[in-house]
Amino acid sequence: MTENTRRIIEQILAVPRGRVCSYRDIALKAGIPNGARQTARTLHSMSEKHSLPWHRIIRCGGQIALEGGGRELQITLLRGEGVKVSADGKVDMGKFGC
């Protein structure tokens, strides 16, 4: 595992229940400017192995990035933590952002 990946994992694990954070913000907190795609790759490849709360990471505009069944699961998990998600899959980052 690279140092950047380790820092991204640390930041993802730090997002508390009932909050969301963007791919971009995770990367910035990990000290990786322009690292949003690296955050997405880390989530995709390491969520299960490291028990990452993948559902708490969304697009910077507050939009759920996933499509299909993964999208519905993410919305269900977020709502289960008290995060309000609109019918079109959007979260108020001002209220629920990290």
PDB file of N, CA and C in Angstrom:
ATOM      1  N   MET A   1       0.842  -1.172   0.000  1.00  0.00           N
ATOM      2  CA  MET A   1       0.000   0.000   0.000  1.00  0.00           C
ATOM      3  C   MET A   1       0.892   1.241   0.000  1.00  0.00           C
ATOM      4  N   THR A   2       0.537   2.212  -0.817  1.00  0.00           N
ATOM      5  CA  THR A   2       1.324   3.440  -0.868  1.00  0.00           C
ATOM      6  C   THR A   2       0.963   4.343   0.311  1.00  0.00           C
ATOM      7  N   GLU A   3       1.818   5.290   0.571  1.00  0.00           N
ATOM      8  CA  GLU A   3       1.564   6.260   1.639  1.00  0.00           C
ATOM      9  C   GLU A   3       0.297   7.066   1.329  1.00  0.00           C
ATOM     10  N   ASN A   4       0.103   7.458   0.066  1.00  0.00           N
ATOM     11  CA  ASN A   4      -1.104   8.203  -0.306  1.00  0.00           C
ATOM     12  C   ASN A   4      -2.364   7.380  -0.039  1.00  0.00           C
ATOM     13  N   THR A   5      -2.326   6.115  -0.396  1.00  0.00           N
ATOM     14  CA  THR A   5      -3.474   5.243  -0.161  1.00  0.00           C
ATOM     15  C   THR A   5      -3.755   5.120   1.331  1.00  0.00           C
ATOM     16  N   ARG A   6      -2.734   4.972   2.126  1.00  0.00           N
ATOM     17  CA  ARG A   6      -2.893   4.871   3.576  1.00  0.00           C
ATOM     18  C   ARG A   6      -3.562   6.125   4.129  1.00  0.00           C
ATOM     19  N   ARG A   7      -3.123   7.295   3.650  1.00  0.00           N
ATOM     20  CA  ARG A   7      -3.705   8.555   4.129  1.00  0.00           C
ATOM     21  C   ARG A   7      -5.168   8.697   3.693  1.00  0.00           C
ATOM     22  N   ILE A   8      -5.476   8.258   2.479  1.00  0.00           N
ATOM     23  CA  ILE A   8      -6.861   8.306   1.998  1.00  0.00           C
ATOM     24  C   ILE A   8      -7.733   7.410   2.875  1.00  0.00           C
ATOM     25  N   ILE A   9      -7.268   6.212   3.162  1.00  0.00           N
ATOM     26  CA  ILE A   9      -8.029   5.294   4.011  1.00  0.00           C
ATOM     27  C   ILE A   9      -8.264   5.905   5.385  1.00  0.00           C
ATOM     28  N   GLU A  10      -7.255   6.518   5.947  1.00  0.00           N
ATOM     29  CA  GLU A  10      -7.389   7.191   7.251  1.00  0.00           C
ATOM     30  C   GLU A  10      -8.497   8.235   7.222  1.00  0.00           C
ATOM     31  N   GLN A  11      -8.515   9.032   6.157  1.00  0.00           N
ATOM     32  CA  GLN A  11      -9.501  10.107   6.054  1.00  0.00           C
ATOM     33  C   GLN A  11     -10.909   9.569   5.844  1.00  0.00           C
ATOM     34  N   ILE A  12     -11.040   8.503   5.068  1.00  0.00           N
ATOM     35  CA  ILE A  12     -12.358   7.894   4.859  1.00  0.00           C
ATOM     36  C   ILE A  12     -12.882   7.351   6.187  1.00  0.00           C
ATOM     37  N   LEU A  13     -12.025   6.684   6.927  1.00  0.00           N
ATOM     38  CA  LEU A  13     -12.429   6.122   8.216  1.00  0.00           C
ATOM     39  C   LEU A  13     -12.802   7.207   9.230  1.00  0.00           C
ATOM     40  N   ALA A  14     -12.308   8.424   9.026  1.00  0.00           N
ATOM     41  CA  ALA A  14     -12.577   9.529   9.950  1.00  0.00           C
ATOM     42  C   ALA A  14     -13.929  10.201   9.709  1.00  0.00           C
ATOM     43  N   VAL A  15     -14.598   9.881   8.603  1.00  0.00           N
ATOM     44  CA  VAL A  15     -15.906  10.501   8.331  1.00  0.00           C
ATOM     45  C   VAL A  15     -16.920   9.874   9.282  1.00  0.00           C
ATOM     46  N   PRO A  16     -17.513  10.687  10.161  1.00  0.00           N
ATOM     47  CA  PRO A  16     -18.414  10.125  11.173  1.00  0.00           C
ATOM     48  C   PRO A  16     -19.768   9.705  10.612  1.00  0.00           C
ATOM     49  N   ARG A  17     -20.394   8.840  11.322  1.00  0.00           N
ATOM     50  CA  ARG A  17     -21.760   8.395  11.024  1.00  0.00           C
ATOM     51  C   ARG A  17     -22.659   9.629  10.924  1.00  0.00           C
ATOM     52  N   GLY A  18     -23.529   9.646   9.913  1.00  0.00           N
ATOM     53  CA  GLY A  18     -24.448  10.760   9.736  1.00  0.00           C
ATOM     54  C   GLY A  18     -23.860  11.942   8.995  1.00  0.00           C
ATOM     55  N   ARG A  19     -22.658  11.788   8.465  1.00  0.00           N
ATOM     56  CA  ARG A  19     -21.996  12.852   7.690  1.00  0.00           C
ATOM     57  C   ARG A  19     -21.523  12.255   6.362  1.00  0.00           C
ATOM     58  N   VAL A  20     -21.264  13.120   5.400  1.00  0.00           N
ATOM     59  CA  VAL A  20     -20.705  12.715   4.116  1.00  0.00           C
ATOM     60  C   VAL A  20     -19.507  13.596   3.793  1.00  0.00           C
ATOM     61  N   CYS A  21     -18.682  13.130   2.907  1.00  0.00           N
ATOM     62  CA  CYS A  21     -17.525  13.897   2.465  1.00  0.00           C
ATOM     63  C   CYS A  21     -17.339  13.616   0.977  1.00  0.00           C
ATOM     64  N   SER A  22     -16.814  14.557   0.249  1.00  0.00           N
ATOM     65  CA  SER A  22     -16.612  14.359  -1.189  1.00  0.00           C
ATOM     66  C   SER A  22     -15.283  13.659  -1.454  1.00  0.00           C
ATOM     67  N   TYR A  23     -15.203  13.045  -2.608  1.00  0.00           N
ATOM     68  CA  TYR A  23     -13.964  12.412  -3.048  1.00  0.00           C
ATOM     69  C   TYR A  23     -12.825  13.433  -3.011  1.00  0.00           C
ATOM     70  N   ARG A  24     -13.121  14.623  -3.496  1.00  0.00           N
ATOM     71  CA  ARG A  24     -12.123  15.694  -3.534  1.00  0.00           C
ATOM     72  C   ARG A  24     -11.662  16.085  -2.132  1.00  0.00           C
ATOM     73  N   ASP A  25     -12.618  16.256  -1.219  1.00  0.00           N
ATOM     74  CA  ASP A  25     -12.251  16.673   0.134  1.00  0.00           C
ATOM     75  C   ASP A  25     -11.446  15.606   0.866  1.00  0.00           C
ATOM     76  N   ILE A  26     -11.763  14.352   0.638  1.00  0.00           N
ATOM     77  CA  ILE A  26     -10.964  13.270   1.231  1.00  0.00           C
ATOM     78  C   ILE A  26      -9.526  13.388   0.740  1.00  0.00           C
ATOM     79  N   ALA A  27      -9.365  13.571  -0.558  1.00  0.00           N
ATOM     80  CA  ALA A  27      -8.013  13.693  -1.132  1.00  0.00           C
ATOM     81  C   ALA A  27      -7.280  14.902  -0.551  1.00  0.00           C
ATOM     82  N   LEU A  28      -7.961  16.031  -0.456  1.00  0.00           N
ATOM     83  CA  LEU A  28      -7.319  17.236   0.091  1.00  0.00           C
ATOM     84  C   LEU A  28      -6.915  17.032   1.548  1.00  0.00           C
ATOM     85  N   LYS A  29      -7.782  16.414   2.336  1.00  0.00           N
ATOM     86  CA  LYS A  29      -7.457  16.152   3.741  1.00  0.00           C
ATOM     87  C   LYS A  29      -6.279  15.183   3.860  1.00  0.00           C
ATOM     88  N   ALA A  30      -6.130  14.333   2.848  1.00  0.00           N
ATOM     89  CA  ALA A  30      -5.012  13.381   2.837  1.00  0.00           C
ATOM     90  C   ALA A  30      -3.740  14.023   2.283  1.00  0.00           C
ATOM     91  N   GLY A  31      -3.842  15.287   1.861  1.00  0.00           N
ATOM     92  CA  GLY A  31      -2.673  15.986   1.330  1.00  0.00           C
ATOM     93  C   GLY A  31      -2.358  15.660  -0.119  1.00  0.00           C
ATOM     94  N   ILE A  32      -3.406  15.287  -0.878  1.00  0.00           N
ATOM     95  CA  ILE A  32      -3.219  14.900  -2.276  1.00  0.00           C
ATOM     96  C   ILE A  32      -4.081  15.796  -3.169  1.00  0.00           C
ATOM     97  N   PRO A  33      -3.541  16.954  -3.579  1.00  0.00           N
ATOM     98  CA  PRO A  33      -4.308  17.820  -4.485  1.00  0.00           C
ATOM     99  C   PRO A  33      -4.632  17.051  -5.771  1.00  0.00           C
ATOM    100  N   ASN A  34      -5.799  17.273  -6.306  1.00  0.00           N
ATOM    101  CA  ASN A  34      -6.249  16.591  -7.525  1.00  0.00           C
ATOM    102  C   ASN A  34      -6.291  15.073  -7.355  1.00  0.00           C
ATOM    103  N   GLY A  35      -6.591  14.599  -6.146  1.00  0.00           N
ATOM    104  CA  GLY A  35      -6.593  13.166  -5.867  1.00  0.00           C
ATOM    105  C   GLY A  35      -7.972  12.549  -5.765  1.00  0.00           C
ATOM    106  N   ALA A  36      -9.003  13.209  -6.281  1.00  0.00           N
ATOM    107  CA  ALA A  36     -10.367  12.673  -6.178  1.00  0.00           C
ATOM    108  C   ALA A  36     -10.474  11.305  -6.839  1.00  0.00           C
ATOM    109  N   ARG A  37      -9.871  11.141  -7.996  1.00  0.00           N
ATOM    110  CA  ARG A  37      -9.939   9.832  -8.679  1.00  0.00           C
ATOM    111  C   ARG A  37      -9.202   8.765  -7.896  1.00  0.00           C
ATOM    112  N   GLN A  38      -8.108   9.131  -7.256  1.00  0.00           N
ATOM    113  CA  GLN A  38      -7.392   8.166  -6.432  1.00  0.00           C
ATOM    114  C   GLN A  38      -8.264   7.746  -5.246  1.00  0.00           C
ATOM    115  N   THR A  39      -9.023   8.679  -4.699  1.00  0.00           N
ATOM    116  CA  THR A  39      -9.954   8.349  -3.625  1.00  0.00           C
ATOM    117  C   THR A  39     -10.988   7.346  -4.130  1.00  0.00           C
ATOM    118  N   ALA A  40     -11.536   7.588  -5.308  1.00  0.00           N
ATOM    119  CA  ALA A  40     -12.528   6.672  -5.882  1.00  0.00           C
ATOM    120  C   ALA A  40     -11.928   5.284  -6.115  1.00  0.00           C
ATOM    121  N   ARG A  41     -10.720   5.230  -6.639  1.00  0.00           N
ATOM    122  CA  ARG A  41     -10.068   3.934  -6.867  1.00  0.00           C
ATOM    123  C   ARG A  41      -9.810   3.196  -5.556  1.00  0.00           C
ATOM    124  N   THR A  42      -9.404   3.937  -4.542  1.00  0.00           N
ATOM    125  CA  THR A  42      -9.166   3.325  -3.235  1.00  0.00           C
ATOM    126  C   THR A  42     -10.462   2.758  -2.676  1.00  0.00           C
ATOM    127  N   LEU A  43     -11.545   3.509  -2.767  1.00  0.00           N
ATOM    128  CA  LEU A  43     -12.838   3.013  -2.296  1.00  0.00           C
ATOM    129  C   LEU A  43     -13.246   1.753  -3.043  1.00  0.00           C
ATOM    130  N   HIS A  44     -13.081   1.786  -4.354  1.00  0.00           N
ATOM    131  CA  HIS A  44     -13.495   0.653  -5.186  1.00  0.00           C
ATOM    132  C   HIS A  44     -12.699  -0.614  -4.857  1.00  0.00           C
ATOM    133  N   SER A  45     -11.420  -0.452  -4.641  1.00  0.00           N
ATOM    134  CA  SER A  45     -10.570  -1.638  -4.473  1.00  0.00           C
ATOM    135  C   SER A  45     -10.356  -2.070  -3.021  1.00  0.00           C
ATOM    136  N   MET A  46     -10.611  -1.195  -2.056  1.00  0.00           N
ATOM    137  CA  MET A  46     -10.251  -1.521  -0.672  1.00  0.00           C
ATOM    138  C   MET A  46     -11.372  -1.381   0.351  1.00  0.00           C
ATOM    139  N   SER A  47     -12.574  -1.044  -0.077  1.00  0.00           N
ATOM    140  CA  SER A  47     -13.665  -0.840   0.882  1.00  0.00           C
ATOM    141  C   SER A  47     -13.934  -2.077   1.728  1.00  0.00           C
ATOM    142  N   GLU A  48     -14.020  -3.212   1.094  1.00  0.00           N
ATOM    143  CA  GLU A  48     -14.336  -4.433   1.833  1.00  0.00           C
ATOM    144  C   GLU A  48     -13.178  -4.849   2.740  1.00  0.00           C
ATOM    145  N   LYS A  49     -11.976  -4.843   2.204  1.00  0.00           N
ATOM    146  CA  LYS A  49     -10.805  -5.281   2.961  1.00  0.00           C
ATOM    147  C   LYS A  49     -10.587  -4.457   4.227  1.00  0.00           C
ATOM    148  N   HIS A  50     -10.831  -3.148   4.144  1.00  0.00           N
ATOM    149  CA  HIS A  50     -10.567  -2.239   5.263  1.00  0.00           C
ATOM    150  C   HIS A  50     -11.849  -1.755   5.956  1.00  0.00           C
ATOM    151  N   SER A  51     -12.986  -2.358   5.615  1.00  0.00           N
ATOM    152  CA  SER A  51     -14.285  -1.977   6.187  1.00  0.00           C
ATOM    153  C   SER A  51     -14.519  -0.470   6.116  1.00  0.00           C
ATOM    154  N   LEU A  52     -14.303   0.083   4.932  1.00  0.00           N
ATOM    155  CA  LEU A  52     -14.455   1.526   4.731  1.00  0.00           C
ATOM    156  C   LEU A  52     -15.937   1.895   4.620  1.00  0.00           C
ATOM    157  N   PRO A  53     -16.331   3.008   5.220  1.00  0.00           N
ATOM    158  CA  PRO A  53     -17.710   3.479   5.090  1.00  0.00           C
ATOM    159  C   PRO A  53     -17.898   4.171   3.733  1.00  0.00           C
ATOM    160  N   TRP A  54     -17.813   3.374   2.682  1.00  0.00           N
ATOM    161  CA  TRP A  54     -17.840   3.867   1.307  1.00  0.00           C
ATOM    162  C   TRP A  54     -19.066   4.724   1.012  1.00  0.00           C
ATOM    163  N   HIS A  55     -20.184   4.405   1.667  1.00  0.00           N
ATOM    164  CA  HIS A  55     -21.439   5.099   1.388  1.00  0.00           C
ATOM    165  C   HIS A  55     -21.410   6.561   1.815  1.00  0.00           C
ATOM    166  N   ARG A  56     -20.457   6.950   2.648  1.00  0.00           N
ATOM    167  CA  ARG A  56     -20.368   8.337   3.127  1.00  0.00           C
ATOM    168  C   ARG A  56     -19.579   9.233   2.181  1.00  0.00           C
ATOM    169  N   ILE A  57     -19.058   8.689   1.087  1.00  0.00           N
ATOM    170  CA  ILE A  57     -18.258   9.474   0.144  1.00  0.00           C
ATOM    171  C   ILE A  57     -19.080   9.704  -1.121  1.00  0.00           C
ATOM    172  N   ILE A  58     -19.265  10.988  -1.458  1.00  0.00           N
ATOM    173  CA  ILE A  58     -20.103  11.368  -2.592  1.00  0.00           C
ATOM    174  C   ILE A  58     -19.397  12.444  -3.423  1.00  0.00           C
ATOM    175  N   ARG A  59     -20.045  12.862  -4.483  1.00  0.00           N
ATOM    176  CA  ARG A  59     -19.473  13.922  -5.331  1.00  0.00           C
ATOM    177  C   ARG A  59     -19.474  15.255  -4.588  1.00  0.00           C
ATOM    178  N   CYS A  60     -18.587  16.157  -5.009  1.00  0.00           N
ATOM    179  CA  CYS A  60     -18.428  17.434  -4.305  1.00  0.00           C
ATOM    180  C   CYS A  60     -19.679  18.309  -4.348  1.00  0.00           C
ATOM    181  N   GLY A  61     -20.540  18.107  -5.327  1.00  0.00           N
ATOM    182  CA  GLY A  61     -21.782  18.869  -5.388  1.00  0.00           C
ATOM    183  C   GLY A  61     -22.891  18.276  -4.542  1.00  0.00           C
ATOM    184  N   GLY A  62     -22.596  17.199  -3.828  1.00  0.00           N
ATOM    185  CA  GLY A  62     -23.574  16.559  -2.978  1.00  0.00           C
ATOM    186  C   GLY A  62     -24.330  15.422  -3.638  1.00  0.00           C
ATOM    187  N   GLN A  63     -23.964  15.098  -4.859  1.00  0.00           N
ATOM    188  CA  GLN A  63     -24.668  14.076  -5.625  1.00  0.00           C
ATOM    189  C   GLN A  63     -24.090  12.683  -5.370  1.00  0.00           C
ATOM    190  N   ILE A  64     -24.962  11.690  -5.295  1.00  0.00           N
ATOM    191  CA  ILE A  64     -24.548  10.293  -5.228  1.00  0.00           C
ATOM    192  C   ILE A  64     -23.938   9.948  -6.594  1.00  0.00           C
ATOM    193  N   ALA A  65     -22.761   9.336  -6.593  1.00  0.00           N
ATOM    194  CA  ALA A  65     -22.060   9.040  -7.844  1.00  0.00           C
ATOM    195  C   ALA A  65     -22.471   7.706  -8.462  1.00  0.00           C
ATOM    196  N   LEU A  66     -22.878   6.757  -7.644  1.00  0.00           N
ATOM    197  CA  LEU A  66     -23.189   5.418  -8.137  1.00  0.00           C
ATOM    198  C   LEU A  66     -24.496   5.387  -8.915  1.00  0.00           C
ATOM    199  N   GLU A  67     -24.626   4.388  -9.758  1.00  0.00           N
ATOM    200  CA  GLU A  67     -25.847   4.145 -10.520  1.00  0.00           C
ATOM    201  C   GLU A  67     -26.395   2.778 -10.132  1.00  0.00           C
ATOM    202  N   GLY A  68     -27.635   2.503 -10.491  1.00  0.00           N
ATOM    203  CA  GLY A  68     -28.228   1.186 -10.292  1.00  0.00           C
ATOM    204  C   GLY A  68     -28.406   0.813  -8.838  1.00  0.00           C
ATOM    205  N   GLY A  69     -28.239  -0.490  -8.553  1.00  0.00           N
ATOM    206  CA  GLY A  69     -28.450  -1.015  -7.215  1.00  0.00           C
ATOM    207  C   GLY A  69     -27.524  -0.422  -6.178  1.00  0.00           C
ATOM    208  N   GLY A  70     -26.284  -0.118  -6.579  1.00  0.00           N
ATOM    209  CA  GLY A  70     -25.337   0.498  -5.650  1.00  0.00           C
ATOM    210  C   GLY A  70     -25.811   1.857  -5.181  1.00  0.00           C
ATOM    211  N   ARG A  71     -26.460   2.566  -6.064  1.00  0.00           N
ATOM    212  CA  ARG A  71     -27.001   3.891  -5.735  1.00  0.00           C
ATOM    213  C   ARG A  71     -28.089   3.766  -4.677  1.00  0.00           C
ATOM    214  N   GLU A  72     -29.000   2.836  -4.883  1.00  0.00           N
ATOM    215  CA  GLU A  72     -30.096   2.636  -3.938  1.00  0.00           C
ATOM    216  C   GLU A  72     -29.571   2.186  -2.575  1.00  0.00           C
ATOM    217  N   LEU A  73     -28.573   1.309  -2.578  1.00  0.00           N
ATOM    218  CA  LEU A  73     -27.978   0.859  -1.326  1.00  0.00           C
ATOM    219  C   LEU A  73     -27.322   2.025  -0.593  1.00  0.00           C
ATOM    220  N   GLN A  74     -26.586   2.859  -1.334  1.00  0.00           N
ATOM    221  CA  GLN A  74     -25.925   4.004  -0.720  1.00  0.00           C
ATOM    222  C   GLN A  74     -26.952   4.952  -0.103  1.00  0.00           C
ATOM    223  N   ILE A  75     -28.014   5.229  -0.818  1.00  0.00           N
ATOM    224  CA  ILE A  75     -29.064   6.110  -0.305  1.00  0.00           C
ATOM    225  C   ILE A  75     -29.687   5.509   0.954  1.00  0.00           C
ATOM    226  N   THR A  76     -29.966   4.227   0.924  1.00  0.00           N
ATOM    227  CA  THR A  76     -30.554   3.543   2.082  1.00  0.00           C
ATOM    228  C   THR A  76     -29.631   3.624   3.292  1.00  0.00           C
ATOM    229  N   LEU A  77     -28.333   3.367   3.085  1.00  0.00           N
ATOM    230  CA  LEU A  77     -27.364   3.416   4.186  1.00  0.00           C
ATOM    231  C   LEU A  77     -27.257   4.826   4.756  1.00  0.00           C
ATOM    232  N   LEU A  78     -27.204   5.820   3.885  1.00  0.00           N
ATOM    233  CA  LEU A  78     -27.104   7.206   4.367  1.00  0.00           C
ATOM    234  C   LEU A  78     -28.350   7.607   5.142  1.00  0.00           C
ATOM    235  N   ARG A  79     -29.507   7.283   4.602  1.00  0.00           N
ATOM    236  CA  ARG A  79     -30.755   7.623   5.306  1.00  0.00           C
ATOM    237  C   ARG A  79     -30.822   6.909   6.652  1.00  0.00           C
ATOM    238  N   GLY A  80     -30.294   5.698   6.723  1.00  0.00           N
ATOM    239  CA  GLY A  80     -30.253   4.953   7.969  1.00  0.00           C
ATOM    240  C   GLY A  80     -29.392   5.624   9.028  1.00  0.00           C
ATOM    241  N   GLU A  81     -28.473   6.485   8.587  1.00  0.00           N
ATOM    242  CA  GLU A  81     -27.620   7.237   9.514  1.00  0.00           C
ATOM    243  C   GLU A  81     -28.165   8.638   9.770  1.00  0.00           C
ATOM    244  N   GLY A  82     -29.341   8.937   9.224  1.00  0.00           N
ATOM    245  CA  GLY A  82     -29.952  10.238   9.453  1.00  0.00           C
ATOM    246  C   GLY A  82     -29.618  11.298   8.425  1.00  0.00           C
ATOM    247  N   VAL A  83     -28.908  10.929   7.354  1.00  0.00           N
ATOM    248  CA  VAL A  83     -28.577  11.879   6.289  1.00  0.00           C
ATOM    249  C   VAL A  83     -29.784  11.996   5.371  1.00  0.00           C
ATOM    250  N   LYS A  84     -30.236  13.213   5.133  1.00  0.00           N
ATOM    251  CA  LYS A  84     -31.352  13.426   4.223  1.00  0.00           C
ATOM    252  C   LYS A  84     -30.827  13.399   2.786  1.00  0.00           C
ATOM    253  N   VAL A  85     -31.390  12.501   1.992  1.00  0.00           N
ATOM    254  CA  VAL A  85     -31.026  12.372   0.586  1.00  0.00           C
ATOM    255  C   VAL A  85     -32.292  12.623  -0.221  1.00  0.00           C
ATOM    256  N   SER A  86     -32.229  13.577  -1.141  1.00  0.00           N
ATOM    257  CA  SER A  86     -33.398  13.918  -1.951  1.00  0.00           C
ATOM    258  C   SER A  86     -33.749  12.770  -2.905  1.00  0.00           C
ATOM    259  N   ALA A  87     -34.912  12.868  -3.507  1.00  0.00           N
ATOM    260  CA  ALA A  87     -35.376  11.845  -4.446  1.00  0.00           C
ATOM    261  C   ALA A  87     -34.419  11.679  -5.622  1.00  0.00           C
ATOM    262  N   ASP A  88     -33.711  12.760  -5.991  1.00  0.00           N
ATOM    263  CA  ASP A  88     -32.774  12.666  -7.108  1.00  0.00           C
ATOM    264  C   ASP A  88     -31.344  12.340  -6.637  1.00  0.00           C
ATOM    265  N   GLY A  89     -31.193  11.941  -5.381  1.00  0.00           N
ATOM    266  CA  GLY A  89     -29.886  11.474  -4.889  1.00  0.00           C
ATOM    267  C   GLY A  89     -28.923  12.566  -4.492  1.00  0.00           C
ATOM    268  N   LYS A  90     -29.438  13.669  -3.969  1.00  0.00           N
ATOM    269  CA  LYS A  90     -28.578  14.775  -3.585  1.00  0.00           C
ATOM    270  C   LYS A  90     -28.618  14.995  -2.069  1.00  0.00           C
ATOM    271  N   VAL A  91     -27.439  15.334  -1.510  1.00  0.00           N
ATOM    272  CA  VAL A  91     -27.297  15.596  -0.083  1.00  0.00           C
ATOM    273  C   VAL A  91     -26.879  17.059   0.103  1.00  0.00           C
ATOM    274  N   ASP A  92     -27.426  17.714   1.082  1.00  0.00           N
ATOM    275  CA  ASP A  92     -27.051  19.090   1.415  1.00  0.00           C
ATOM    276  C   ASP A  92     -25.682  19.050   2.102  1.00  0.00           C
ATOM    277  N   MET A  93     -24.640  19.434   1.372  1.00  0.00           N
ATOM    278  CA  MET A  93     -23.280  19.392   1.909  1.00  0.00           C
ATOM    279  C   MET A  93     -23.090  20.408   3.036  1.00  0.00           C
ATOM    280  N   GLY A  94     -23.857  21.495   3.029  1.00  0.00           N
ATOM    281  CA  GLY A  94     -23.767  22.471   4.094  1.00  0.00           C
ATOM    282  C   GLY A  94     -24.241  21.917   5.421  1.00  0.00           C
ATOM    283  N   LYS A  95     -25.207  21.030   5.365  1.00  0.00           N
ATOM    284  CA  LYS A  95     -25.775  20.449   6.575  1.00  0.00           C
ATOM    285  C   LYS A  95     -25.100  19.128   6.976  1.00  0.00           C
ATOM    286  N   PHE A  96     -24.766  18.305   5.989  1.00  0.00           N
ATOM    287  CA  PHE A  96     -24.259  16.958   6.277  1.00  0.00           C
ATOM    288  C   PHE A  96     -22.802  16.739   5.870  1.00  0.00           C
ATOM    289  N   GLY A  97     -22.187  17.752   5.251  1.00  0.00           N
ATOM    290  CA  GLY A  97     -20.797  17.609   4.804  1.00  0.00           C
ATOM    291  C   GLY A  97     -19.800  17.576   5.958  1.00  0.00           C
ATOM    292  N   CYS A  98     -18.639  17.012   5.675  1.00  0.00           N
ATOM    293  CA  CYS A  98     -17.627  16.887   6.731  1.00  0.00           C
ATOM    294  C   CYS A  98     -16.804  18.156   6.893  1.00  0.00           C
TER     295      CYS A  98
END
